[in-house]
Amino acid sequence: MAFKIMDGSRDDRQPLAALTAALQGKIFADTGYLSKLLLERLWQRGLHLVTWSPAAPQKEELSAAPAGQGAVPQTIQHRDPL
C-alpha cells in the first residue's frame, strides 16, 4: 500500500511513478488519473487502474493494452453507504 497527501495546487500525477514502483495488482484512484498514456504505462508494469465514475468511460478511447488484451480501467458505478 502506498499513499501521499498533497495540497490542491500540485499535479497529483507527478509522484505516481515513485508511489507505484513497488506495487502489484490494482491501483484505486479518481478519474483525474485517466489518460491513455498512463494506462499504457501501468498496463506494461502489470498494474490495473480502478476508478469511480458516474458514467462508464468509452472503452475504445481508454484501451491501453495490445489488441485483444483489454486494458480498460475498471469503474465503480455507485457507492453504498458505509
PDB file of N, CA and C in Angstrom:
ATOM      1  N   MET A   1       0.843  -1.157   0.000  1.00  0.00           N
ATOM      2  CA  MET A   1       0.000   0.000   0.000  1.00  0.00           C
ATOM      3  C   MET A   1       0.898   1.233   0.000  1.00  0.00           C
ATOM      4  N   ALA A   2       0.476   2.238  -0.771  1.00  0.00           N
ATOM      5  CA  ALA A   2       1.217   3.496  -0.827  1.00  0.00           C
ATOM      6  C   ALA A   2       0.225   4.639  -0.956  1.00  0.00           C
ATOM      7  N   PHE A   3       0.511   5.750  -0.303  1.00  0.00           N
ATOM      8  CA  PHE A   3      -0.322   6.936  -0.458  1.00  0.00           C
ATOM      9  C   PHE A   3       0.513   8.177  -0.182  1.00  0.00           C
ATOM     10  N   LYS A   4       0.022   9.297  -0.687  1.00  0.00           N
ATOM     11  CA  LYS A   4       0.679  10.572  -0.448  1.00  0.00           C
ATOM     12  C   LYS A   4      -0.403  11.635  -0.411  1.00  0.00           C
ATOM     13  N   ILE A   5      -0.373  12.478   0.610  1.00  0.00           N
ATOM     14  CA  ILE A   5      -1.328  13.578   0.727  1.00  0.00           C
ATOM     15  C   ILE A   5      -0.642  14.829   0.192  1.00  0.00           C
ATOM     16  N   MET A   6      -1.317  15.465  -0.768  1.00  0.00           N
ATOM     17  CA  MET A   6      -0.737  16.652  -1.394  1.00  0.00           C
ATOM     18  C   MET A   6      -1.729  17.797  -1.315  1.00  0.00           C
ATOM     19  N   ASP A   7      -1.210  19.028  -1.368  1.00  0.00           N
ATOM     20  CA  ASP A   7      -2.123  20.167  -1.375  1.00  0.00           C
ATOM     21  C   ASP A   7      -2.759  20.291  -2.755  1.00  0.00           C
ATOM     22  N   GLY A   8      -3.783  21.083  -2.862  1.00  0.00           N
ATOM     23  CA  GLY A   8      -4.547  21.183  -4.099  1.00  0.00           C
ATOM     24  C   GLY A   8      -3.857  21.916  -5.230  1.00  0.00           C
ATOM     25  N   SER A   9      -2.712  22.522  -4.978  1.00  0.00           N
ATOM     26  CA  SER A   9      -2.056  23.309  -6.016  1.00  0.00           C
ATOM     27  C   SER A   9      -1.037  22.511  -6.826  1.00  0.00           C
ATOM     28  N   ARG A  10      -0.917  21.224  -6.577  1.00  0.00           N
ATOM     29  CA  ARG A  10       0.064  20.395  -7.293  1.00  0.00           C
ATOM     30  C   ARG A  10      -0.631  19.362  -8.172  1.00  0.00           C
ATOM     31  N   ASP A  11       0.079  18.934  -9.184  1.00  0.00           N
ATOM     32  CA  ASP A  11      -0.418  17.881 -10.065  1.00  0.00           C
ATOM     33  C   ASP A  11      -0.194  16.538  -9.373  1.00  0.00           C
ATOM     34  N   ASP A  12      -1.266  15.836  -9.053  1.00  0.00           N
ATOM     35  CA  ASP A  12      -1.182  14.566  -8.326  1.00  0.00           C
ATOM     36  C   ASP A  12      -0.478  13.472  -9.119  1.00  0.00           C
ATOM     37  N   ARG A  13      -0.376  13.627 -10.432  1.00  0.00           N
ATOM     38  CA  ARG A  13       0.233  12.573 -11.245  1.00  0.00           C
ATOM     39  C   ARG A  13       1.752  12.557 -11.162  1.00  0.00           C
ATOM     40  N   GLN A  14       2.367  13.645 -10.702  1.00  0.00           N
ATOM     41  CA  GLN A  14       3.829  13.722 -10.655  1.00  0.00           C
ATOM     42  C   GLN A  14       4.460  12.637  -9.783  1.00  0.00           C
ATOM     43  N   PRO A  15       4.005  12.400  -8.543  1.00  0.00           N
ATOM     44  CA  PRO A  15       4.643  11.373  -7.709  1.00  0.00           C
ATOM     45  C   PRO A  15       4.136   9.956  -7.986  1.00  0.00           C
ATOM     46  N   LEU A  16       3.279   9.783  -8.985  1.00  0.00           N
ATOM     47  CA  LEU A  16       2.648   8.485  -9.226  1.00  0.00           C
ATOM     48  C   LEU A  16       3.657   7.382  -9.543  1.00  0.00           C
ATOM     49  N   ALA A  17       4.667   7.662 -10.333  1.00  0.00           N
ATOM     50  CA  ALA A  17       5.657   6.635 -10.689  1.00  0.00           C
ATOM     51  C   ALA A  17       6.386   6.128  -9.449  1.00  0.00           C
ATOM     52  N   ALA A  18       6.799   7.043  -8.579  1.00  0.00           N
ATOM     53  CA  ALA A  18       7.503   6.631  -7.358  1.00  0.00           C
ATOM     54  C   ALA A  18       6.574   5.888  -6.402  1.00  0.00           C
ATOM     55  N   LEU A  19       5.318   6.328  -6.316  1.00  0.00           N
ATOM     56  CA  LEU A  19       4.364   5.680  -5.413  1.00  0.00           C
ATOM     57  C   LEU A  19       4.030   4.262  -5.844  1.00  0.00           C
ATOM     58  N   THR A  20       4.001   4.018  -7.135  1.00  0.00           N
ATOM     59  CA  THR A  20       3.576   2.710  -7.637  1.00  0.00           C
ATOM     60  C   THR A  20       4.739   1.784  -7.980  1.00  0.00           C
ATOM     61  N   ALA A  21       5.963   2.207  -7.733  1.00  0.00           N
ATOM     62  CA  ALA A  21       7.138   1.427  -8.129  1.00  0.00           C
ATOM     63  C   ALA A  21       7.138   0.012  -7.564  1.00  0.00           C
ATOM     64  N   ALA A  22       6.726  -0.167  -6.326  1.00  0.00           N
ATOM     65  CA  ALA A  22       6.774  -1.489  -5.690  1.00  0.00           C
ATOM     66  C   ALA A  22       5.404  -2.156  -5.606  1.00  0.00           C
ATOM     67  N   LEU A  23       4.401  -1.569  -6.241  1.00  0.00           N
ATOM     68  CA  LEU A  23       3.046  -2.121  -6.148  1.00  0.00           C
ATOM     69  C   LEU A  23       2.783  -3.159  -7.227  1.00  0.00           C
ATOM     70  N   GLN A  24       1.819  -4.033  -6.939  1.00  0.00           N
ATOM     71  CA  GLN A  24       1.348  -5.043  -7.882  1.00  0.00           C
ATOM     72  C   GLN A  24      -0.168  -5.057  -7.823  1.00  0.00           C
ATOM     73  N   GLY A  25      -0.801  -5.467  -8.905  1.00  0.00           N
ATOM     74  CA  GLY A  25      -2.246  -5.664  -8.885  1.00  0.00           C
ATOM     75  C   GLY A  25      -3.030  -4.450  -9.319  1.00  0.00           C
ATOM     76  N   LYS A  26      -3.841  -3.900  -8.408  1.00  0.00           N
ATOM     77  CA  LYS A  26      -4.769  -2.826  -8.749  1.00  0.00           C
ATOM     78  C   LYS A  26      -4.396  -1.532  -8.046  1.00  0.00           C
ATOM     79  N   ILE A  27      -4.678  -0.434  -8.740  1.00  0.00           N
ATOM     80  CA  ILE A  27      -4.490   0.904  -8.193  1.00  0.00           C
ATOM     81  C   ILE A  27      -5.860   1.567  -8.190  1.00  0.00           C
ATOM     82  N   PHE A  28      -6.261   2.125  -7.063  1.00  0.00           N
ATOM     83  CA  PHE A  28      -7.535   2.817  -6.940  1.00  0.00           C
ATOM     84  C   PHE A  28      -7.263   4.319  -6.933  1.00  0.00           C
ATOM     85  N   ALA A  29      -7.891   5.039  -7.873  1.00  0.00           N
ATOM     86  CA  ALA A  29      -7.648   6.478  -7.997  1.00  0.00           C
ATOM     87  C   ALA A  29      -8.898   7.156  -8.539  1.00  0.00           C
ATOM     88  N   ASP A  30      -8.933   8.489  -8.453  1.00  0.00           N
ATOM     89  CA  ASP A  30     -10.083   9.202  -9.004  1.00  0.00           C
ATOM     90  C   ASP A  30      -9.925   9.365 -10.516  1.00  0.00           C
ATOM     91  N   THR A  31     -10.972   9.882 -11.156  1.00  0.00           N
ATOM     92  CA  THR A  31     -10.982   9.957 -12.618  1.00  0.00           C
ATOM     93  C   THR A  31      -9.970  10.954 -13.173  1.00  0.00           C
ATOM     94  N   GLY A  32      -9.377  11.785 -12.347  1.00  0.00           N
ATOM     95  CA  GLY A  32      -8.347  12.706 -12.802  1.00  0.00           C
ATOM     96  C   GLY A  32      -7.108  11.996 -13.316  1.00  0.00           C
ATOM     97  N   TYR A  33      -6.971  10.721 -13.006  1.00  0.00           N
ATOM     98  CA  TYR A  33      -5.805   9.951 -13.431  1.00  0.00           C
ATOM     99  C   TYR A  33      -6.005   9.265 -14.778  1.00  0.00           C
ATOM    100  N   LEU A  34      -7.188   9.349 -15.362  1.00  0.00           N
ATOM    101  CA  LEU A  34      -7.446   8.653 -16.616  1.00  0.00           C
ATOM    102  C   LEU A  34      -6.764   9.350 -17.788  1.00  0.00           C
ATOM    103  N   SER A  35      -5.862   8.648 -18.410  1.00  0.00           N
ATOM    104  CA  SER A  35      -5.256   9.096 -19.658  1.00  0.00           C
ATOM    105  C   SER A  35      -4.717   7.855 -20.357  1.00  0.00           C
ATOM    106  N   LYS A  36      -4.694   7.897 -21.666  1.00  0.00           N
ATOM    107  CA  LYS A  36      -4.231   6.733 -22.415  1.00  0.00           C
ATOM    108  C   LYS A  36      -2.763   6.420 -22.111  1.00  0.00           C
ATOM    109  N   LEU A  37      -1.926   7.441 -22.019  1.00  0.00           N
ATOM    110  CA  LEU A  37      -0.505   7.233 -21.726  1.00  0.00           C
ATOM    111  C   LEU A  37      -0.318   6.580 -20.354  1.00  0.00           C
ATOM    112  N   LEU A  38      -1.036   7.066 -19.351  1.00  0.00           N
ATOM    113  CA  LEU A  38      -0.926   6.482 -18.014  1.00  0.00           C
ATOM    114  C   LEU A  38      -1.394   5.035 -18.017  1.00  0.00           C
ATOM    115  N   LEU A  39      -2.505   4.747 -18.685  1.00  0.00           N
ATOM    116  CA  LEU A  39      -2.999   3.369 -18.744  1.00  0.00           C
ATOM    117  C   LEU A  39      -1.988   2.445 -19.414  1.00  0.00           C
ATOM    118  N   GLU A  40      -1.354   2.918 -20.478  1.00  0.00           N
ATOM    119  CA  GLU A  40      -0.346   2.101 -21.167  1.00  0.00           C
ATOM    120  C   GLU A  40       0.830   1.795 -20.248  1.00  0.00           C
ATOM    121  N   ARG A  41       1.316   2.809 -19.548  1.00  0.00           N
ATOM    122  CA  ARG A  41       2.461   2.611 -18.651  1.00  0.00           C
ATOM    123  C   ARG A  41       2.120   1.663 -17.507  1.00  0.00           C
ATOM    124  N   LEU A  42       0.956   1.843 -16.900  1.00  0.00           N
ATOM    125  CA  LEU A  42       0.551   0.959 -15.801  1.00  0.00           C
ATOM    126  C   LEU A  42       0.367  -0.467 -16.304  1.00  0.00           C
ATOM    127  N   TRP A  43      -0.280  -0.617 -17.454  1.00  0.00           N
ATOM    128  CA  TRP A  43      -0.549  -1.950 -18.011  1.00  0.00           C
ATOM    129  C   TRP A  43       0.755  -2.691 -18.300  1.00  0.00           C
ATOM    130  N   GLN A  44       1.742  -1.988 -18.836  1.00  0.00           N
ATOM    131  CA  GLN A  44       3.036  -2.605 -19.141  1.00  0.00           C
ATOM    132  C   GLN A  44       3.722  -3.106 -17.874  1.00  0.00           C
ATOM    133  N   ARG A  45       3.427  -2.473 -16.758  1.00  0.00           N
ATOM    134  CA  ARG A  45       4.007  -2.889 -15.480  1.00  0.00           C
ATOM    135  C   ARG A  45       3.116  -3.886 -14.745  1.00  0.00           C
ATOM    136  N   GLY A  46       1.994  -4.291 -15.349  1.00  0.00           N
ATOM    137  CA  GLY A  46       1.108  -5.270 -14.734  1.00  0.00           C
ATOM    138  C   GLY A  46       0.152  -4.682 -13.716  1.00  0.00           C
ATOM    139  N   LEU A  47      -0.059  -3.365 -13.754  1.00  0.00           N
ATOM    140  CA  LEU A  47      -0.963  -2.702 -12.818  1.00  0.00           C
ATOM    141  C   LEU A  47      -2.278  -2.364 -13.510  1.00  0.00           C
ATOM    142  N   HIS A  48      -3.378  -2.462 -12.764  1.00  0.00           N
ATOM    143  CA  HIS A  48      -4.706  -2.187 -13.306  1.00  0.00           C
ATOM    144  C   HIS A  48      -5.332  -1.041 -12.527  1.00  0.00           C
ATOM    145  N   LEU A  49      -5.791  -0.017 -13.246  1.00  0.00           N
ATOM    146  CA  LEU A  49      -6.384   1.163 -12.637  1.00  0.00           C
ATOM    147  C   LEU A  49      -7.871   0.937 -12.400  1.00  0.00           C
ATOM    148  N   VAL A  50      -8.324   1.175 -11.169  1.00  0.00           N
ATOM    149  CA  VAL A  50      -9.742   1.110 -10.820  1.00  0.00           C
ATOM    150  C   VAL A  50     -10.128   2.503 -10.366  1.00  0.00           C
ATOM    151  N   THR A  51     -11.174   3.057 -10.963  1.00  0.00           N
ATOM    152  CA  THR A  51     -11.589   4.412 -10.647  1.00  0.00           C
ATOM    153  C   THR A  51     -13.099   4.483 -10.525  1.00  0.00           C
ATOM    154  N   TRP A  52     -13.596   5.530  -9.908  1.00  0.00           N
ATOM    155  CA  TRP A  52     -15.037   5.732  -9.776  1.00  0.00           C
ATOM    156  C   TRP A  52     -15.483   6.699 -10.842  1.00  0.00           C
ATOM    157  N   SER A  53     -16.601   6.379 -11.474  1.00  0.00           N
ATOM    158  CA  SER A  53     -17.148   7.258 -12.491  1.00  0.00           C
ATOM    159  C   SER A  53     -18.663   7.156 -12.471  1.00  0.00           C
ATOM    160  N   PRO A  54     -19.377   8.283 -12.507  1.00  0.00           N
ATOM    161  CA  PRO A  54     -20.833   8.217 -12.534  1.00  0.00           C
ATOM    162  C   PRO A  54     -21.360   7.601 -13.829  1.00  0.00           C
ATOM    163  N   ALA A  55     -20.594   7.706 -14.895  1.00  0.00           N
ATOM    164  CA  ALA A  55     -20.960   7.085 -16.169  1.00  0.00           C
ATOM    165  C   ALA A  55     -19.753   6.294 -16.655  1.00  0.00           C
ATOM    166  N   ALA A  56     -20.009   5.150 -17.261  1.00  0.00           N
ATOM    167  CA  ALA A  56     -18.906   4.301 -17.736  1.00  0.00           C
ATOM    168  C   ALA A  56     -18.122   5.025 -18.825  1.00  0.00           C
ATOM    169  N   PRO A  57     -16.791   4.992 -18.779  1.00  0.00           N
ATOM    170  CA  PRO A  57     -15.983   5.629 -19.828  1.00  0.00           C
ATOM    171  C   PRO A  57     -16.089   4.862 -21.140  1.00  0.00           C
ATOM    172  N   GLN A  58     -15.736   5.514 -22.216  1.00  0.00           N
ATOM    173  CA  GLN A  58     -15.739   4.866 -23.523  1.00  0.00           C
ATOM    174  C   GLN A  58     -14.570   3.898 -23.597  1.00  0.00           C
ATOM    175  N   LYS A  59     -14.846   2.617 -23.703  1.00  0.00           N
ATOM    176  CA  LYS A  59     -13.796   1.603 -23.680  1.00  0.00           C
ATOM    177  C   LYS A  59     -12.834   1.744 -24.849  1.00  0.00           C
ATOM    178  N   GLU A  60     -13.345   2.125 -26.010  1.00  0.00           N
ATOM    179  CA  GLU A  60     -12.479   2.234 -27.178  1.00  0.00           C
ATOM    180  C   GLU A  60     -11.430   3.333 -26.987  1.00  0.00           C
ATOM    181  N   GLU A  61     -11.790   4.425 -26.341  1.00  0.00           N
ATOM    182  CA  GLU A  61     -10.868   5.536 -26.169  1.00  0.00           C
ATOM    183  C   GLU A  61      -9.828   5.257 -25.101  1.00  0.00           C
ATOM    184  N   LEU A  62     -10.163   4.458 -24.092  1.00  0.00           N
ATOM    185  CA  LEU A  62      -9.275   4.271 -22.959  1.00  0.00           C
ATOM    186  C   LEU A  62      -8.492   2.969 -22.997  1.00  0.00           C
ATOM    187  N   SER A  63      -8.701   2.150 -24.010  1.00  0.00           N
ATOM    188  CA  SER A  63      -7.995   0.881 -24.069  1.00  0.00           C
ATOM    189  C   SER A  63      -6.506   1.118 -24.260  1.00  0.00           C
ATOM    190  N   ALA A  64      -5.696   0.519 -23.375  1.00  0.00           N
ATOM    191  CA  ALA A  64      -4.254   0.733 -23.437  1.00  0.00           C
ATOM    192  C   ALA A  64      -3.494  -0.536 -23.790  1.00  0.00           C
ATOM    193  N   ALA A  65      -4.159  -1.673 -23.774  1.00  0.00           N
ATOM    194  CA  ALA A  65      -3.481  -2.948 -23.999  1.00  0.00           C
ATOM    195  C   ALA A  65      -3.322  -3.214 -25.486  1.00  0.00           C
ATOM    196  N   PRO A  66      -2.393  -4.089 -25.824  1.00  0.00           N
ATOM    197  CA  PRO A  66      -2.331  -4.547 -27.204  1.00  0.00           C
ATOM    198  C   PRO A  66      -3.673  -5.176 -27.583  1.00  0.00           C
ATOM    199  N   ALA A  67      -3.999  -5.153 -28.839  1.00  0.00           N
ATOM    200  CA  ALA A  67      -5.301  -5.636 -29.299  1.00  0.00           C
ATOM    201  C   ALA A  67      -5.657  -6.986 -28.698  1.00  0.00           C
ATOM    202  N   GLY A  68      -6.864  -7.069 -28.154  1.00  0.00           N
ATOM    203  CA  GLY A  68      -7.362  -8.325 -27.616  1.00  0.00           C
ATOM    204  C   GLY A  68      -7.015  -8.592 -26.164  1.00  0.00           C
ATOM    205  N   GLN A  69      -6.266  -7.704 -25.505  1.00  0.00           N
ATOM    206  CA  GLN A  69      -5.888  -7.968 -24.123  1.00  0.00           C
ATOM    207  C   GLN A  69      -6.681  -7.148 -23.118  1.00  0.00           C
ATOM    208  N   GLY A  70      -7.462  -6.163 -23.551  1.00  0.00           N
ATOM    209  CA  GLY A  70      -8.427  -5.476 -22.712  1.00  0.00           C
ATOM    210  C   GLY A  70      -7.922  -4.700 -21.509  1.00  0.00           C
ATOM    211  N   ALA A  71      -7.061  -3.728 -21.681  1.00  0.00           N
ATOM    212  CA  ALA A  71      -6.604  -2.909 -20.550  1.00  0.00           C
ATOM    213  C   ALA A  71      -7.500  -1.701 -20.387  1.00  0.00           C
ATOM    214  N   VAL A  72      -8.728  -1.934 -20.029  1.00  0.00           N
ATOM    215  CA  VAL A  72      -9.682  -0.857 -19.801  1.00  0.00           C
ATOM    216  C   VAL A  72      -9.803  -0.668 -18.301  1.00  0.00           C
ATOM    217  N   PRO A  73      -9.763   0.579 -17.810  1.00  0.00           N
ATOM    218  CA  PRO A  73      -9.876   0.757 -16.371  1.00  0.00           C
ATOM    219  C   PRO A  73     -11.221   0.262 -15.868  1.00  0.00           C
ATOM    220  N   GLN A  74     -11.219  -0.381 -14.736  1.00  0.00           N
ATOM    221  CA  GLN A  74     -12.466  -0.821 -14.139  1.00  0.00           C
ATOM    222  C   GLN A  74     -13.109   0.382 -13.482  1.00  0.00           C
ATOM    223  N   THR A  75     -14.426   0.489 -13.588  1.00  0.00           N
ATOM    224  CA  THR A  75     -15.106   1.606 -12.956  1.00  0.00           C
ATOM    225  C   THR A  75     -16.110   1.102 -11.945  1.00  0.00           C
ATOM    226  N   ILE A  76     -16.252   1.851 -10.886  1.00  0.00           N
ATOM    227  CA  ILE A  76     -17.250   1.560  -9.864  1.00  0.00           C
ATOM    228  C   ILE A  76     -18.415   2.490 -10.152  1.00  0.00           C
ATOM    229  N   GLN A  77     -19.580   1.950 -10.450  1.00  0.00           N
ATOM    230  CA  GLN A  77     -20.713   2.760 -10.869  1.00  0.00           C
ATOM    231  C   GLN A  77     -21.421   3.466  -9.716  1.00  0.00           C
ATOM    232  N   HIS A  78     -21.422   2.892  -8.541  1.00  0.00           N
ATOM    233  CA  HIS A  78     -22.067   3.534  -7.391  1.00  0.00           C
ATOM    234  C   HIS A  78     -21.361   3.108  -6.124  1.00  0.00           C
ATOM    235  N   ARG A  79     -21.584   3.854  -5.072  1.00  0.00           N
ATOM    236  CA  ARG A  79     -21.005   3.501  -3.780  1.00  0.00           C
ATOM    237  C   ARG A  79     -22.131   3.360  -2.775  1.00  0.00           C
ATOM    238  N   ASP A  80     -22.119   2.276  -2.043  1.00  0.00           N
ATOM    239  CA  ASP A  80     -23.099   2.087  -0.984  1.00  0.00           C
ATOM    240  C   ASP A  80     -22.611   2.802   0.267  1.00  0.00           C
ATOM    241  N   PRO A  81     -23.547   3.310   1.094  1.00  0.00           N
ATOM    242  CA  PRO A  81     -23.125   3.950   2.348  1.00  0.00           C
ATOM    243  C   PRO A  81     -22.419   2.950   3.251  1.00  0.00           C
ATOM    244  N   LEU A  82     -21.442   3.417   3.976  1.00  0.00           N
ATOM    245  CA  LEU A  82     -20.704   2.543   4.889  1.00  0.00           C
ATOM    246  C   LEU A  82     -21.499   2.269   6.133  1.00  0.00           C
TER     247      LEU A  82
END
